[in-house]
PDB file of N, CA and C in Angstrom:
ATOM      1  N   MET A   1       7.472  -9.230   9.087  1.00  0.00           N
ATOM      2  CA  MET A   1       6.758  -7.970   9.096  1.00  0.00           C
ATOM      3  C   MET A   1       5.481  -8.132   8.274  1.00  0.00           C
ATOM      4  N   LYS A   2       4.420  -7.491   8.713  1.00  0.00           N
ATOM      5  CA  LYS A   2       3.155  -7.526   8.000  1.00  0.00           C
ATOM      6  C   LYS A   2       2.905  -6.154   7.383  1.00  0.00           C
ATOM      7  N   VAL A   3       2.710  -6.145   6.066  1.00  0.00           N
ATOM      8  CA  VAL A   3       2.510  -4.919   5.309  1.00  0.00           C
ATOM      9  C   VAL A   3       1.130  -4.948   4.666  1.00  0.00           C
ATOM     10  N   VAL A   4       0.396  -3.844   4.795  1.00  0.00           N
ATOM     11  CA  VAL A   4      -0.830  -3.671   4.013  1.00  0.00           C
ATOM     12  C   VAL A   4      -0.646  -2.415   3.165  1.00  0.00           C
ATOM     13  N   ALA A   5      -1.298  -2.402   2.023  1.00  0.00           N
ATOM     14  CA  ALA A   5      -1.127  -1.275   1.107  1.00  0.00           C
ATOM     15  C   ALA A   5      -2.399  -1.035   0.323  1.00  0.00           C
ATOM     16  N   ILE A   6      -2.511   0.193  -0.160  1.00  0.00           N
ATOM     17  CA  ILE A   6      -3.537   0.539  -1.137  1.00  0.00           C
ATOM     18  C   ILE A   6      -2.819   1.179  -2.310  1.00  0.00           C
ATOM     19  N   THR A   7      -3.203   0.771  -3.510  1.00  0.00           N
ATOM     20  CA  THR A   7      -2.671   1.399  -4.710  1.00  0.00           C
ATOM     21  C   THR A   7      -3.834   1.984  -5.490  1.00  0.00           C
ATOM     22  N   ALA A   8      -3.629   3.192  -6.019  1.00  0.00           N
ATOM     23  CA  ALA A   8      -4.661   3.865  -6.803  1.00  0.00           C
ATOM     24  C   ALA A   8      -4.018   4.969  -7.637  1.00  0.00           C
ATOM     25  N   CYS A   9      -4.409   5.050  -8.909  1.00  0.00           N
ATOM     26  CA  CYS A   9      -3.921   6.122  -9.776  1.00  0.00           C
ATOM     27  C   CYS A   9      -5.126   6.784 -10.449  1.00  0.00           C
ATOM     28  N   PRO A  10      -4.938   7.959 -11.076  1.00  0.00           N
ATOM     29  CA  PRO A  10      -6.072   8.689 -11.642  1.00  0.00           C
ATOM     30  C   PRO A  10      -6.923   7.891 -12.635  1.00  0.00           C
ATOM     31  N   THR A  11      -6.296   7.122 -13.510  1.00  0.00           N
ATOM     32  CA  THR A  11      -7.089   6.352 -14.476  1.00  0.00           C
ATOM     33  C   THR A  11      -7.482   4.988 -13.932  1.00  0.00           C
ATOM     34  N   GLY A  12      -6.778   4.540 -12.894  1.00  0.00           N
ATOM     35  CA  GLY A  12      -7.140   3.282 -12.250  1.00  0.00           C
ATOM     36  C   GLY A  12      -6.813   2.054 -13.049  1.00  0.00           C
ATOM     37  N   VAL A  13      -5.799   2.161 -13.886  1.00  0.00           N
ATOM     38  CA  VAL A  13      -5.449   1.009 -14.704  1.00  0.00           C
ATOM     39  C   VAL A  13      -3.994   0.621 -14.451  1.00  0.00           C
ATOM     40  N   ALA A  14      -3.103   1.053 -15.297  1.00  0.00           N
ATOM     41  CA  ALA A  14      -1.722   0.562 -15.281  1.00  0.00           C
ATOM     42  C   ALA A  14      -0.996   0.763 -13.955  1.00  0.00           C
ATOM     43  N   HIS A  15      -0.854   1.999 -13.502  1.00  0.00           N
ATOM     44  CA  HIS A  15      -0.045   2.254 -12.316  1.00  0.00           C
ATOM     45  C   HIS A  15      -0.627   1.598 -11.061  1.00  0.00           C
ATOM     46  N   THR A  16      -1.938   1.523 -10.975  1.00  0.00           N
ATOM     47  CA  THR A  16      -2.566   0.876  -9.816  1.00  0.00           C
ATOM     48  C   THR A  16      -2.070  -0.555  -9.685  1.00  0.00           C
ATOM     49  N   TYR A  17      -2.111  -1.289 -10.766  1.00  0.00           N
ATOM     50  CA  TYR A  17      -1.768  -2.704 -10.723  1.00  0.00           C
ATOM     51  C   TYR A  17      -0.259  -2.945 -10.782  1.00  0.00           C
ATOM     52  N   MET A  18       0.470  -2.057 -11.444  1.00  0.00           N
ATOM     53  CA  MET A  18       1.931  -2.172 -11.462  1.00  0.00           C
ATOM     54  C   MET A  18       2.493  -1.913 -10.062  1.00  0.00           C
ATOM     55  N   ALA A  19       1.930  -0.937  -9.351  1.00  0.00           N
ATOM     56  CA  ALA A  19       2.375  -0.651  -7.983  1.00  0.00           C
ATOM     57  C   ALA A  19       2.041  -1.825  -7.067  1.00  0.00           C
ATOM     58  N   GLN A  20       0.857  -2.409  -7.243  1.00  0.00           N
ATOM     59  CA  GLN A  20       0.479  -3.590  -6.462  1.00  0.00           C
ATOM     60  C   GLN A  20       1.514  -4.698  -6.667  1.00  0.00           C
ATOM     61  N   GLU A  21       1.839  -4.963  -7.908  1.00  0.00           N
ATOM     62  CA  GLU A  21       2.784  -6.028  -8.222  1.00  0.00           C
ATOM     63  C   GLU A  21       4.161  -5.744  -7.626  1.00  0.00           C
ATOM     64  N   ALA A  22       4.614  -4.500  -7.705  1.00  0.00           N
ATOM     65  CA  ALA A  22       5.937  -4.137  -7.180  1.00  0.00           C
ATOM     66  C   ALA A  22       6.002  -4.337  -5.669  1.00  0.00           C
ATOM     67  N   ILE A  23       4.955  -3.919  -4.950  1.00  0.00           N
ATOM     68  CA  ILE A  23       4.912  -4.082  -3.493  1.00  0.00           C
ATOM     69  C   ILE A  23       4.885  -5.561  -3.123  1.00  0.00           C
ATOM     70  N   GLU A  24       4.010  -6.315  -3.774  1.00  0.00           N
ATOM     71  CA  GLU A  24       3.892  -7.748  -3.459  1.00  0.00           C
ATOM     72  C   GLU A  24       5.195  -8.492  -3.737  1.00  0.00           C
ATOM     73  N   LYS A  25       5.817  -8.190  -4.870  1.00  0.00           N
ATOM     74  CA  LYS A  25       7.051  -8.882  -5.253  1.00  0.00           C
ATOM     75  C   LYS A  25       8.166  -8.599  -4.248  1.00  0.00           C
ATOM     76  N   GLU A  26       8.334  -7.324  -3.867  1.00  0.00           N
ATOM     77  CA  GLU A  26       9.402  -6.965  -2.920  1.00  0.00           C
ATOM     78  C   GLU A  26       9.123  -7.560  -1.539  1.00  0.00           C
ATOM     79  N   CYS A  27       7.873  -7.565  -1.117  1.00  0.00           N
ATOM     80  CA  CYS A  27       7.530  -8.150   0.184  1.00  0.00           C
ATOM     81  C   CYS A  27       7.784  -9.650   0.199  1.00  0.00           C
ATOM     82  N   ARG A  28       7.390 -10.341  -0.857  1.00  0.00           N
ATOM     83  CA  ARG A  28       7.635 -11.787  -0.936  1.00  0.00           C
ATOM     84  C   ARG A  28       9.128 -12.093  -0.896  1.00  0.00           C
ATOM     85  N   LYS A  29       9.908 -11.272  -1.605  1.00  0.00           N
ATOM     86  CA  LYS A  29      11.358 -11.438  -1.638  1.00  0.00           C
ATOM     87  C   LYS A  29      11.951 -11.357  -0.231  1.00  0.00           C
ATOM     88  N   ARG A  30      11.352 -10.511   0.609  1.00  0.00           N
ATOM     89  CA  ARG A  30      11.846 -10.304   1.973  1.00  0.00           C
ATOM     90  C   ARG A  30      11.179 -11.239   2.988  1.00  0.00           C
ATOM     91  N   GLY A  31      10.214 -12.018   2.532  1.00  0.00           N
ATOM     92  CA  GLY A  31       9.522 -12.929   3.431  1.00  0.00           C
ATOM     93  C   GLY A  31       8.459 -12.258   4.280  1.00  0.00           C
ATOM     94  N   TYR A  32       7.975 -11.105   3.843  1.00  0.00           N
ATOM     95  CA  TYR A  32       6.944 -10.372   4.577  1.00  0.00           C
ATOM     96  C   TYR A  32       5.557 -10.859   4.189  1.00  0.00           C
ATOM     97  N   GLU A  33       4.651 -10.736   5.130  1.00  0.00           N
ATOM     98  CA  GLU A  33       3.233 -10.972   4.860  1.00  0.00           C
ATOM     99  C   GLU A  33       2.701  -9.682   4.225  1.00  0.00           C
ATOM    100  N   VAL A  34       1.955  -9.793   3.130  1.00  0.00           N
ATOM    101  CA  VAL A  34       1.497  -8.588   2.430  1.00  0.00           C
ATOM    102  C   VAL A  34       0.077  -8.764   1.910  1.00  0.00           C
ATOM    103  N   GLN A  35      -0.695  -7.685   2.008  1.00  0.00           N
ATOM    104  CA  GLN A  35      -2.029  -7.626   1.420  1.00  0.00           C
ATOM    105  C   GLN A  35      -2.158  -6.256   0.767  1.00  0.00           C
ATOM    106  N   VAL A  36      -2.600  -6.250  -0.497  1.00  0.00           N
ATOM    107  CA  VAL A  36      -2.728  -5.000  -1.235  1.00  0.00           C
ATOM    108  C   VAL A  36      -4.143  -4.850  -1.755  1.00  0.00           C
ATOM    109  N   GLU A  37      -4.765  -3.743  -1.376  1.00  0.00           N
ATOM    110  CA  GLU A  37      -6.077  -3.364  -1.896  1.00  0.00           C
ATOM    111  C   GLU A  37      -5.846  -2.439  -3.081  1.00  0.00           C
ATOM    112  N   THR A  38      -6.565  -2.690  -4.176  1.00  0.00           N
ATOM    113  CA  THR A  38      -6.475  -1.784  -5.322  1.00  0.00           C
ATOM    114  C   THR A  38      -7.786  -1.022  -5.444  1.00  0.00           C
ATOM    115  N   GLN A  39      -7.652   0.242  -5.784  1.00  0.00           N
ATOM    116  CA  GLN A  39      -8.817   1.065  -6.079  1.00  0.00           C
ATOM    117  C   GLN A  39      -8.594   1.615  -7.482  1.00  0.00           C
ATOM    118  N   GLY A  40      -9.115   0.868  -8.454  1.00  0.00           N
ATOM    119  CA  GLY A  40      -8.870   1.197  -9.850  1.00  0.00           C
ATOM    120  C   GLY A  40     -10.135   1.244 -10.664  1.00  0.00           C
ATOM    121  N   SER A  41      -9.963   1.040 -11.945  1.00  0.00           N
ATOM    122  CA  SER A  41     -11.087   1.108 -12.870  1.00  0.00           C
ATOM    123  C   SER A  41     -12.120   0.016 -12.605  1.00  0.00           C
ATOM    124  N   MET A  42     -11.704  -1.048 -11.938  1.00  0.00           N
ATOM    125  CA  MET A  42     -12.605  -2.151 -11.600  1.00  0.00           C
ATOM    126  C   MET A  42     -13.264  -1.931 -10.234  1.00  0.00           C
ATOM    127  N   GLY A  43     -13.044  -0.751  -9.626  1.00  0.00           N
ATOM    128  CA  GLY A  43     -13.570  -0.482  -8.297  1.00  0.00           C
ATOM    129  C   GLY A  43     -12.578  -0.938  -7.243  1.00  0.00           C
ATOM    130  N   VAL A  44     -13.063  -1.187  -6.028  1.00  0.00           N
ATOM    131  CA  VAL A  44     -12.202  -1.636  -4.929  1.00  0.00           C
ATOM    132  C   VAL A  44     -12.069  -3.151  -5.012  1.00  0.00           C
ATOM    133  N   GLU A  45     -10.827  -3.626  -5.051  1.00  0.00           N
ATOM    134  CA  GLU A  45     -10.557  -5.066  -5.086  1.00  0.00           C
ATOM    135  C   GLU A  45      -9.667  -5.429  -3.908  1.00  0.00           C
ATOM    136  N   ASN A  46      -9.876  -6.614  -3.365  1.00  0.00           N
ATOM    137  CA  ASN A  46      -9.092  -7.108  -2.222  1.00  0.00           C
ATOM    138  C   ASN A  46      -9.195  -6.145  -1.038  1.00  0.00           C
ATOM    139  N   GLU A  47     -10.397  -5.674  -0.761  1.00  0.00           N
ATOM    140  CA  GLU A  47     -10.601  -4.661   0.277  1.00  0.00           C
ATOM    141  C   GLU A  47     -10.059  -5.113   1.628  1.00  0.00           C
ATOM    142  N   LEU A  48      -9.256  -4.233   2.233  1.00  0.00           N
ATOM    143  CA  LEU A  48      -8.664  -4.503   3.540  1.00  0.00           C
ATOM    144  C   LEU A  48      -9.691  -4.271   4.636  1.00  0.00           C
ATOM    145  N   THR A  49      -9.762  -5.185   5.575  1.00  0.00           N
ATOM    146  CA  THR A  49     -10.647  -5.009   6.720  1.00  0.00           C
ATOM    147  C   THR A  49      -9.934  -4.161   7.770  1.00  0.00           C
ATOM    148  N   GLN A  50     -10.698  -3.617   8.693  1.00  0.00           N
ATOM    149  CA  GLN A  50     -10.096  -2.849   9.783  1.00  0.00           C
ATOM    150  C   GLN A  50      -9.165  -3.733  10.601  1.00  0.00           C
ATOM    151  N   GLU A  51      -9.537  -4.982  10.783  1.00  0.00           N
ATOM    152  CA  GLU A  51      -8.705  -5.928  11.527  1.00  0.00           C
ATOM    153  C   GLU A  51      -7.356  -6.136  10.843  1.00  0.00           C
ATOM    154  N   GLU A  52      -7.355  -6.252   9.521  1.00  0.00           N
ATOM    155  CA  GLU A  52      -6.103  -6.424   8.770  1.00  0.00           C
ATOM    156  C   GLU A  52      -5.222  -5.182   8.894  1.00  0.00           C
ATOM    157  N   VAL A  53      -5.847  -4.011   8.810  1.00  0.00           N
ATOM    158  CA  VAL A  53      -5.104  -2.758   8.953  1.00  0.00           C
ATOM    159  C   VAL A  53      -4.507  -2.653  10.351  1.00  0.00           C
ATOM    160  N   ASP A  54      -5.321  -2.940  11.361  1.00  0.00           N
ATOM    161  CA  ASP A  54      -4.860  -2.845  12.750  1.00  0.00           C
ATOM    162  C   ASP A  54      -3.715  -3.812  13.037  1.00  0.00           C
ATOM    163  N   GLY A  55      -3.708  -4.969  12.383  1.00  0.00           N
ATOM    164  CA  GLY A  55      -2.681  -5.971  12.615  1.00  0.00           C
ATOM    165  C   GLY A  55      -1.396  -5.744  11.842  1.00  0.00           C
ATOM    166  N   ALA A  56      -1.385  -4.749  10.960  1.00  0.00           N
ATOM    167  CA  ALA A  56      -0.208  -4.496  10.131  1.00  0.00           C
ATOM    168  C   ALA A  56       0.866  -3.724  10.892  1.00  0.00           C
ATOM    169  N   ASP A  57       2.111  -3.987  10.532  1.00  0.00           N
ATOM    170  CA  ASP A  57       3.234  -3.236  11.088  1.00  0.00           C
ATOM    171  C   ASP A  57       3.398  -1.898  10.378  1.00  0.00           C
ATOM    172  N   VAL A  58       3.037  -1.871   9.110  1.00  0.00           N
ATOM    173  CA  VAL A  58       3.191  -0.655   8.313  1.00  0.00           C
ATOM    174  C   VAL A  58       2.127  -0.630   7.218  1.00  0.00           C
ATOM    175  N   VAL A  59       1.730   0.596   6.829  1.00  0.00           N
ATOM    176  CA  VAL A  59       0.760   0.798   5.754  1.00  0.00           C
ATOM    177  C   VAL A  59       1.446   1.607   4.658  1.00  0.00           C
ATOM    178  N   ILE A  60       1.318   1.139   3.431  1.00  0.00           N
ATOM    179  CA  ILE A  60       1.830   1.891   2.285  1.00  0.00           C
ATOM    180  C   ILE A  60       0.628   2.368   1.481  1.00  0.00           C
ATOM    181  N   LEU A  61       0.506   3.688   1.348  1.00  0.00           N
ATOM    182  CA  LEU A  61      -0.543   4.275   0.521  1.00  0.00           C
ATOM    183  C   LEU A  61       0.130   4.781  -0.749  1.00  0.00           C
ATOM    184  N   ALA A  62       0.121   3.946  -1.776  1.00  0.00           N
ATOM    185  CA  ALA A  62       0.700   4.307  -3.067  1.00  0.00           C
ATOM    186  C   ALA A  62      -0.434   4.836  -3.934  1.00  0.00           C
ATOM    187  N   VAL A  63      -0.808   6.077  -3.666  1.00  0.00           N
ATOM    188  CA  VAL A  63      -2.008   6.640  -4.294  1.00  0.00           C
ATOM    189  C   VAL A  63      -1.725   8.021  -4.883  1.00  0.00           C
ATOM    190  N   ALA A  64      -2.379   8.296  -6.002  1.00  0.00           N
ATOM    191  CA  ALA A  64      -2.258   9.599  -6.650  1.00  0.00           C
ATOM    192  C   ALA A  64      -3.615  10.286  -6.719  1.00  0.00           C
ATOM    193  N   ILE A  65      -4.597   9.712  -6.043  1.00  0.00           N
ATOM    194  CA  ILE A  65      -5.956  10.259  -5.997  1.00  0.00           C
ATOM    195  C   ILE A  65      -6.508  10.037  -4.593  1.00  0.00           C
ATOM    196  N   GLY A  66      -7.643  10.650  -4.303  1.00  0.00           N
ATOM    197  CA  GLY A  66      -8.318  10.369  -3.044  1.00  0.00           C
ATOM    198  C   GLY A  66      -8.810   8.929  -3.054  1.00  0.00           C
ATOM    199  N   ILE A  67      -8.798   8.293  -1.888  1.00  0.00           N
ATOM    200  CA  ILE A  67      -9.208   6.888  -1.823  1.00  0.00           C
ATOM    201  C   ILE A  67     -10.406   6.714  -0.909  1.00  0.00           C
ATOM    202  N   GLU A  68     -11.123   5.636  -1.114  1.00  0.00           N
ATOM    203  CA  GLU A  68     -12.256   5.290  -0.260  1.00  0.00           C
ATOM    204  C   GLU A  68     -11.737   4.665   1.034  1.00  0.00           C
ATOM    205  N   GLY A  69     -12.363   4.998   2.132  1.00  0.00           N
ATOM    206  CA  GLY A  69     -12.052   4.350   3.400  1.00  0.00           C
ATOM    207  C   GLY A  69     -10.738   4.769   4.028  1.00  0.00           C
ATOM    208  N   GLU A  70     -10.286   5.980   3.740  1.00  0.00           N
ATOM    209  CA  GLU A  70      -8.999   6.429   4.274  1.00  0.00           C
ATOM    210  C   GLU A  70      -8.988   6.499   5.802  1.00  0.00           C
ATOM    211  N   GLU A  71     -10.163   6.659   6.397  1.00  0.00           N
ATOM    212  CA  GLU A  71     -10.246   6.744   7.866  1.00  0.00           C
ATOM    213  C   GLU A  71      -9.784   5.450   8.538  1.00  0.00           C
ATOM    214  N   ARG A  72      -9.747   4.349   7.810  1.00  0.00           N
ATOM    215  CA  ARG A  72      -9.260   3.074   8.370  1.00  0.00           C
ATOM    216  C   ARG A  72      -7.818   3.191   8.868  1.00  0.00           C
ATOM    217  N   PHE A  73      -7.095   4.167   8.355  1.00  0.00           N
ATOM    218  CA  PHE A  73      -5.667   4.281   8.639  1.00  0.00           C
ATOM    219  C   PHE A  73      -5.337   5.375   9.655  1.00  0.00           C
ATOM    220  N   ASP A  74      -6.345   5.990  10.253  1.00  0.00           N
ATOM    221  CA  ASP A  74      -6.115   7.099  11.186  1.00  0.00           C
ATOM    222  C   ASP A  74      -5.168   6.730  12.326  1.00  0.00           C
ATOM    223  N   GLU A  75      -5.389   5.581  12.958  1.00  0.00           N
ATOM    224  CA  GLU A  75      -4.530   5.175  14.082  1.00  0.00           C
ATOM    225  C   GLU A  75      -3.100   4.929  13.633  1.00  0.00           C
ATOM    226  N   LYS A  76      -2.928   4.295  12.479  1.00  0.00           N
ATOM    227  CA  LYS A  76      -1.583   4.035  11.957  1.00  0.00           C
ATOM    228  C   LYS A  76      -0.891   5.351  11.588  1.00  0.00           C
ATOM    229  N   MET A  77      -1.650   6.298  11.044  1.00  0.00           N
ATOM    230  CA  MET A  77      -1.073   7.601  10.711  1.00  0.00           C
ATOM    231  C   MET A  77      -0.611   8.308  11.983  1.00  0.00           C
ATOM    232  N   ALA A  78      -1.445   8.277  13.011  1.00  0.00           N
ATOM    233  CA  ALA A  78      -1.090   8.919  14.280  1.00  0.00           C
ATOM    234  C   ALA A  78       0.152   8.284  14.895  1.00  0.00           C
ATOM    235  N   ALA A  79       0.357   6.994  14.655  1.00  0.00           N
ATOM    236  CA  ALA A  79       1.509   6.276  15.197  1.00  0.00           C
ATOM    237  C   ALA A  79       2.746   6.397  14.306  1.00  0.00           C
ATOM    238  N   GLY A  80       2.609   7.093  13.164  1.00  0.00           N
ATOM    239  CA  GLY A  80       3.742   7.249  12.259  1.00  0.00           C
ATOM    240  C   GLY A  80       4.094   6.000  11.489  1.00  0.00           C
ATOM    241  N   LYS A  81       3.094   5.150  11.229  1.00  0.00           N
ATOM    242  CA  LYS A  81       3.323   3.862  10.562  1.00  0.00           C
ATOM    243  C   LYS A  81       2.774   3.830   9.133  1.00  0.00           C
ATOM    244  N   VAL A  82       2.617   5.018   8.517  1.00  0.00           N
ATOM    245  CA  VAL A  82       2.065   5.094   7.161  1.00  0.00           C
ATOM    246  C   VAL A  82       3.061   5.790   6.237  1.00  0.00           C
ATOM    247  N   ILE A  83       3.293   5.186   5.090  1.00  0.00           N
ATOM    248  CA  ILE A  83       4.081   5.806   4.033  1.00  0.00           C
ATOM    249  C   ILE A  83       3.105   6.188   2.932  1.00  0.00           C
ATOM    250  N   SER A  84       3.041   7.479   2.608  1.00  0.00           N
ATOM    251  CA  SER A  84       2.223   7.955   1.488  1.00  0.00           C
ATOM    252  C   SER A  84       3.173   8.304   0.360  1.00  0.00           C
ATOM    253  N   ILE A  85       2.936   7.695  -0.792  1.00  0.00           N
ATOM    254  CA  ILE A  85       3.878   7.830  -1.892  1.00  0.00           C
ATOM    255  C   ILE A  85       3.143   7.704  -3.221  1.00  0.00           C
ATOM    256  N   ASP A  86       3.694   8.301  -4.252  1.00  0.00           N
ATOM    257  CA  ASP A  86       3.123   8.200  -5.594  1.00  0.00           C
ATOM    258  C   ASP A  86       3.316   6.770  -6.116  1.00  0.00           C
ATOM    259  N   PRO A  87       2.302   6.216  -6.783  1.00  0.00           N
ATOM    260  CA  PRO A  87       2.442   4.856  -7.314  1.00  0.00           C
ATOM    261  C   PRO A  87       3.660   4.686  -8.224  1.00  0.00           C
ATOM    262  N   GLY A  88       3.977   5.710  -8.994  1.00  0.00           N
ATOM    263  CA  GLY A  88       5.128   5.638  -9.900  1.00  0.00           C
ATOM    264  C   GLY A  88       6.437   5.430  -9.161  1.00  0.00           C
ATOM    265  N   GLU A  89       6.564   6.020  -7.978  1.00  0.00           N
ATOM    266  CA  GLU A  89       7.778   5.850  -7.176  1.00  0.00           C
ATOM    267  C   GLU A  89       7.909   4.418  -6.655  1.00  0.00           C
ATOM    268  N   VAL A  90       6.780   3.823  -6.283  1.00  0.00           N
ATOM    269  CA  VAL A  90       6.801   2.432  -5.817  1.00  0.00           C
ATOM    270  C   VAL A  90       7.208   1.502  -6.954  1.00  0.00           C
ATOM    271  N   ILE A  91       6.712   1.787  -8.147  1.00  0.00           N
ATOM    272  CA  ILE A  91       7.038   0.962  -9.310  1.00  0.00           C
ATOM    273  C   ILE A  91       8.536   1.056  -9.619  1.00  0.00           C
ATOM    274  N   LYS A  92       9.085   2.264  -9.560  1.00  0.00           N
ATOM    275  CA  LYS A  92      10.498   2.484  -9.893  1.00  0.00           C
ATOM    276  C   LYS A  92      11.441   2.043  -8.778  1.00  0.00           C
ATOM    277  N   HIS A  93      11.029   2.227  -7.514  1.00  0.00           N
ATOM    278  CA  HIS A  93      11.942   2.019  -6.390  1.00  0.00           C
ATOM    279  C   HIS A  93      11.316   1.209  -5.247  1.00  0.00           C
ATOM    280  N   PRO A  94      10.823   0.002  -5.514  1.00  0.00           N
ATOM    281  CA  PRO A  94      10.176  -0.763  -4.436  1.00  0.00           C
ATOM    282  C   PRO A  94      11.125  -1.113  -3.294  1.00  0.00           C
ATOM    283  N   THR A  95      12.397  -1.347  -3.608  1.00  0.00           N
ATOM    284  CA  THR A  95      13.369  -1.696  -2.564  1.00  0.00           C
ATOM    285  C   THR A  95      13.512  -0.554  -1.564  1.00  0.00           C
ATOM    286  N   GLU A  96      13.624   0.679  -2.074  1.00  0.00           N
ATOM    287  CA  GLU A  96      13.779   1.839  -1.204  1.00  0.00           C
ATOM    288  C   GLU A  96      12.528   2.069  -0.353  1.00  0.00           C
ATOM    289  N   VAL A  97      11.366   1.834  -0.935  1.00  0.00           N
ATOM    290  CA  VAL A  97      10.116   2.021  -0.192  1.00  0.00           C
ATOM    291  C   VAL A  97      10.034   1.034   0.966  1.00  0.00           C
ATOM    292  N   LEU A  98      10.376  -0.222   0.717  1.00  0.00           N
ATOM    293  CA  LEU A  98      10.339  -1.227   1.792  1.00  0.00           C
ATOM    294  C   LEU A  98      11.466  -1.014   2.801  1.00  0.00           C
ATOM    295  N   ASP A  99      12.614  -0.515   2.365  1.00  0.00           N
ATOM    296  CA  ASP A  99      13.684  -0.163   3.310  1.00  0.00           C
ATOM    297  C   ASP A  99      13.159   0.922   4.265  1.00  0.00           C
ATOM    298  N   ARG A 100      12.449   1.893   3.711  1.00  0.00           N
ATOM    299  CA  ARG A 100      11.865   2.979   4.510  1.00  0.00           C
ATOM    300  C   ARG A 100      10.832   2.424   5.487  1.00  0.00           C
ATOM    301  N   ALA A 101      10.031   1.477   5.013  1.00  0.00           N
ATOM    302  CA  ALA A 101       8.996   0.866   5.866  1.00  0.00           C
ATOM    303  C   ALA A 101       9.626   0.155   7.053  1.00  0.00           C
ATOM    304  N   GLU A 102      10.746  -0.502   6.836  1.00  0.00           N
ATOM    305  CA  GLU A 102      11.412  -1.212   7.918  1.00  0.00           C
ATOM    306  C   GLU A 102      11.854  -0.276   9.043  1.00  0.00           C
ATOM    307  N   LYS A 103      12.126   0.963   8.711  1.00  0.00           N
ATOM    308  CA  LYS A 103      12.621   1.932   9.696  1.00  0.00           C
ATOM    309  C   LYS A 103      11.512   2.568  10.520  1.00  0.00           C
ATOM    310  N   LEU A 104      10.255   2.361  10.113  1.00  0.00           N
ATOM    311  CA  LEU A 104       9.144   2.977  10.855  1.00  0.00           C
ATOM    312  C   LEU A 104       8.887   2.261  12.161  1.00  0.00           C
TER     313      LEU A 104
END
């Protein structure tokens, strides 16, 4: 399975990067291909291309603020392939989030 994600929190520091790490770690454990864009205090890092988004099986938006480039996910949202969740939930329960992603 190919997973793309964006992580972002209000201050753009701890939760942004902790959520990134939680998603990447759980995906690697399952043998999934994963790419995570962060939108934090350092700006946008590892920016996902439209091609990467289009090629993904599922999108995880672990965000607690508005994000740049949200329109990239319109088709995936229409197809029901997007999970929108608070970054704190991903940090606490990455297994459950990826279990949910598998069901989409």
